[in-house]
Amino acid sequence: MAGYNLWYFESITRMGYDQGFFFGNGWATPLVEGLPGVLFSPSRGILIYSPVFIFAFWGAYLVWRSSNCVLLRYLTVSVILTVLVYSKWKMWWGGWAFGPRLLADITPLLILLMLPAYVKVRDQPFLKKVFFLLAGIFVLIHALGAYSPAVWNPEIGGRLWSWSDGELINSGRRLLAKTF
């Protein structure tokens, strides 16, 4: 990320999102607000939109217990740092885009981190069913985002944490209204 920022924004402390300094006012969100938001918000949390990634966290744990997976350890560190950086941004929810768009770049890393967990899961019928159920939910939620009109505004009071007036419910309603 630092190399990208240096190349495109001529400073490792500038990013395309804030157009200012990394440690300036744009990055002052308390971690106790931003971190749960990017992970668990009903309208932006990566574990809500992509629940199968819970296996990536289990995989990261397994990677650190094993001495065979040095590369995956580095990926774990990069995932953690990326999540922490975006948790500090003033708009940790990423604006009007569907789902946890700020964390979209770490999706391939999370998929790789799921592999050690899947090795454990594939021989346990119940956990294997849970894995594929969560993977199916992941696909359905992202299909909803692809086919529903993006008009939901997260900045209208407290909606980022609303289960009844959140983005998933509203997107589902709009898609049903559009379909029927």
Protein backbone atom coordinates (compact mmCIF):
# COMPACT_ATOMS: atom_id res chain seq x y z
CA MET A 1 0.00 0.00 0.00
CA ALA A 2 2.85 2.36 0.84
CA GLY A 3 4.49 1.72 -2.54
CA TYR A 4 1.20 2.30 -4.36
CA ASN A 5 0.62 5.55 -2.48
CA LEU A 6 4.17 6.72 -3.22
CA TRP A 7 3.81 5.93 -6.93
CA TYR A 8 0.34 7.40 -7.50
CA PHE A 9 0.06 10.10 -4.81
CA GLU A 10 3.76 10.97 -4.42
CA SER A 11 3.75 10.24 -0.69
CA ILE A 12 3.31 7.10 1.38
CA THR A 13 1.03 9.06 3.69
CA ARG A 14 -1.45 10.16 1.00
CA MET A 15 -4.25 7.94 -0.19
CA GLY A 16 -6.86 8.35 -2.88
CA TYR A 17 -9.66 8.30 -0.34
CA ASP A 18 -8.68 11.13 1.93
CA GLN A 19 -6.65 13.36 -0.40
CA GLY A 20 -4.80 14.46 2.69
CA PHE A 21 -2.32 13.19 5.19
CA PHE A 22 -2.73 9.70 6.57
CA PHE A 23 -2.64 10.75 10.20
CA GLY A 24 -4.73 13.89 9.70
CA ASN A 25 -8.35 14.40 10.64
CA GLY A 26 -9.51 11.90 8.00
CA TRP A 27 -8.04 9.03 10.02
CA ALA A 28 -9.28 9.85 13.51
CA THR A 29 -12.08 7.31 13.91
CA PRO A 30 -11.61 5.45 17.19
CA LEU A 31 -10.85 1.76 16.67
CA VAL A 32 -13.72 0.86 19.02
CA GLU A 33 -16.05 2.39 16.42
CA GLY A 34 -14.39 1.58 13.10
CA LEU A 35 -13.14 -1.96 13.75
CA PRO A 36 -16.51 -3.43 14.77
CA GLY A 37 -18.01 -1.46 11.87
CA VAL A 38 -15.83 -2.91 9.12
CA LEU A 39 -16.19 -6.40 10.61
CA PHE A 40 -19.78 -6.63 11.93
CA SER A 41 -21.94 -3.69 10.81
CA PRO A 42 -25.21 -5.05 9.33
CA SER A 43 -24.74 -2.66 6.41
CA ARG A 44 -20.95 -2.82 5.89
CA GLY A 45 -19.37 -5.58 7.95
CA ILE A 46 -17.28 -8.03 5.96
CA LEU A 47 -18.35 -10.92 8.20
CA ILE A 48 -22.00 -10.06 7.56
CA TYR A 49 -21.64 -9.77 3.77
CA SER A 50 -19.14 -12.61 3.53
CA PRO A 51 -19.81 -14.88 6.52
CA VAL A 52 -17.70 -17.67 5.05
CA PHE A 53 -14.64 -15.53 5.88
CA ILE A 54 -14.99 -16.63 9.51
CA PHE A 55 -13.05 -19.64 8.23
CA ALA A 56 -10.27 -17.27 7.14
CA PHE A 57 -9.88 -16.20 10.76
CA TRP A 58 -9.72 -19.83 11.83
CA GLY A 59 -7.23 -20.42 9.01
CA ALA A 60 -5.10 -17.51 10.24
CA TYR A 61 -5.08 -19.04 13.71
CA LEU A 62 -4.00 -22.40 12.25
CA VAL A 63 -1.28 -20.71 10.18
CA TRP A 64 0.26 -19.20 13.30
CA ARG A 65 0.16 -22.57 15.08
CA SER A 66 1.98 -24.28 12.21
CA SER A 67 5.59 -23.76 11.23
CA ASN A 68 4.95 -24.70 7.58
CA CYS A 69 3.03 -21.64 6.43
CA VAL A 70 5.40 -18.68 6.54
CA LEU A 71 3.91 -16.96 3.46
CA LEU A 72 0.40 -17.23 4.87
CA ARG A 73 1.64 -15.63 8.09
CA TYR A 74 2.73 -12.58 6.07
CA LEU A 75 -0.69 -12.51 4.42
CA THR A 76 -2.30 -12.60 7.86
CA VAL A 77 -0.29 -9.58 8.95
CA SER A 78 -1.22 -7.67 5.79
CA VAL A 79 -4.92 -8.47 6.28
CA ILE A 80 -4.80 -7.27 9.89
CA LEU A 81 -2.98 -4.06 8.97
CA THR A 82 -5.39 -3.31 6.12
CA VAL A 83 -8.41 -3.84 8.36
CA LEU A 84 -6.90 -1.60 11.03
CA VAL A 85 -6.07 1.18 8.54
CA TYR A 86 -9.60 1.30 7.12
CA SER A 87 -11.08 1.06 10.62
CA LYS A 88 -9.45 4.41 11.37
CA TRP A 89 -10.78 6.23 8.28
CA LYS A 90 -13.53 8.82 8.89
CA MET A 91 -15.81 6.97 6.45
CA TRP A 92 -15.00 3.39 7.44
CA TRP A 93 -18.27 2.34 5.77
CA GLY A 94 -16.97 3.41 2.35
CA GLY A 95 -19.73 5.75 1.24
CA TRP A 96 -22.63 4.70 -0.96
CA ALA A 97 -21.16 1.51 -2.45
CA PHE A 98 -22.70 -1.89 -1.66
CA GLY A 99 -21.15 -3.85 1.19
CA PRO A 100 -17.65 -3.64 2.64
CA ARG A 101 -16.01 -2.18 -0.46
CA LEU A 102 -12.96 -0.85 1.37
CA LEU A 103 -11.99 -4.41 2.26
CA ALA A 104 -12.62 -5.82 -1.21
CA ASP A 105 -8.86 -5.79 -1.91
CA ILE A 106 -8.18 -8.32 0.84
CA THR A 107 -10.76 -10.83 -0.44
CA PRO A 108 -8.17 -12.93 -2.33
CA LEU A 109 -6.00 -13.02 0.81
CA LEU A 110 -8.94 -14.12 2.94
CA ILE A 111 -9.70 -16.89 0.46
CA LEU A 112 -6.10 -18.11 0.74
CA LEU A 113 -6.35 -17.96 4.52
CA MET A 114 -9.48 -20.14 4.39
CA LEU A 115 -7.47 -23.03 2.94
CA PRO A 116 -5.89 -24.28 6.20
CA ALA A 117 -9.32 -24.23 7.85
CA TYR A 118 -10.92 -26.03 4.91
CA VAL A 119 -8.35 -28.82 5.22
CA LYS A 120 -9.67 -29.37 8.76
CA VAL A 121 -13.32 -28.95 7.72
CA ARG A 122 -13.45 -31.28 4.74
CA ASP A 123 -13.31 -34.41 6.91
CA GLN A 124 -15.98 -33.21 9.36
CA PRO A 125 -19.44 -33.49 7.78
CA PHE A 126 -21.16 -30.90 10.01
CA LEU A 127 -18.44 -28.25 9.62
CA LYS A 128 -18.25 -28.93 5.91
CA LYS A 129 -22.01 -28.26 5.62
CA VAL A 130 -21.61 -25.04 7.63
CA PHE A 131 -18.75 -23.97 5.35
CA PHE A 132 -20.79 -24.50 2.18
CA LEU A 133 -23.92 -22.93 3.71
CA LEU A 134 -21.94 -19.78 4.56
CA ALA A 135 -20.34 -19.82 1.10
CA GLY A 136 -23.83 -19.99 -0.45
CA ILE A 137 -25.02 -17.08 1.69
CA PHE A 138 -21.92 -15.15 0.55
CA VAL A 139 -22.83 -15.72 -3.11
CA LEU A 140 -26.49 -14.77 -2.60
CA ILE A 141 -25.64 -11.56 -0.74
CA HIS A 142 -23.21 -10.43 -3.42
CA ALA A 143 -25.68 -11.36 -6.16
CA LEU A 144 -28.17 -9.14 -4.35
CA GLY A 145 -25.65 -6.31 -4.54
CA ALA A 146 -25.08 -6.92 -8.23
CA TYR A 147 -28.77 -6.89 -9.17
CA SER A 148 -30.39 -4.38 -6.84
CA PRO A 149 -30.30 -0.65 -7.55
CA ALA A 150 -27.76 1.17 -5.38
CA VAL A 151 -29.76 3.97 -3.79
CA TRP A 152 -29.36 3.24 -0.06
CA ASN A 153 -27.68 6.06 1.85
CA PRO A 154 -25.76 4.87 4.92
CA GLU A 155 -25.26 8.37 6.26
CA ILE A 156 -28.87 8.84 7.38
CA GLY A 157 -28.73 8.46 11.16
CA GLY A 158 -27.68 5.08 12.58
CA ARG A 159 -28.56 3.02 9.52
CA LEU A 160 -25.13 1.41 9.43
CA TRP A 161 -26.10 -0.59 12.52
CA SER A 162 -29.76 -1.17 11.69
CA TRP A 163 -30.92 -4.70 10.90
CA SER A 164 -34.42 -3.54 9.92
CA ASP A 165 -33.42 -0.48 7.85
CA GLY A 166 -29.99 -1.62 6.72
CA GLU A 167 -28.60 -2.03 3.26
CA LEU A 168 -29.25 -5.76 2.89
CA ILE A 169 -32.93 -5.49 3.84
CA ASN A 170 -33.46 -2.43 1.65
CA SER A 171 -31.61 -4.00 -1.29
CA GLY A 172 -33.75 -7.13 -0.96
CA ARG A 173 -36.94 -5.06 -0.86
CA ARG A 174 -35.90 -3.06 -3.95
CA LEU A 175 -34.98 -6.21 -5.86
CA LEU A 176 -38.33 -7.83 -5.01
CA ALA A 177 -40.22 -4.68 -5.97
CA LYS A 178 -38.30 -4.50 -9.24
CA THR A 179 -38.89 -8.19 -9.98
CA PHE A 180 -42.59 -8.43 -9.14
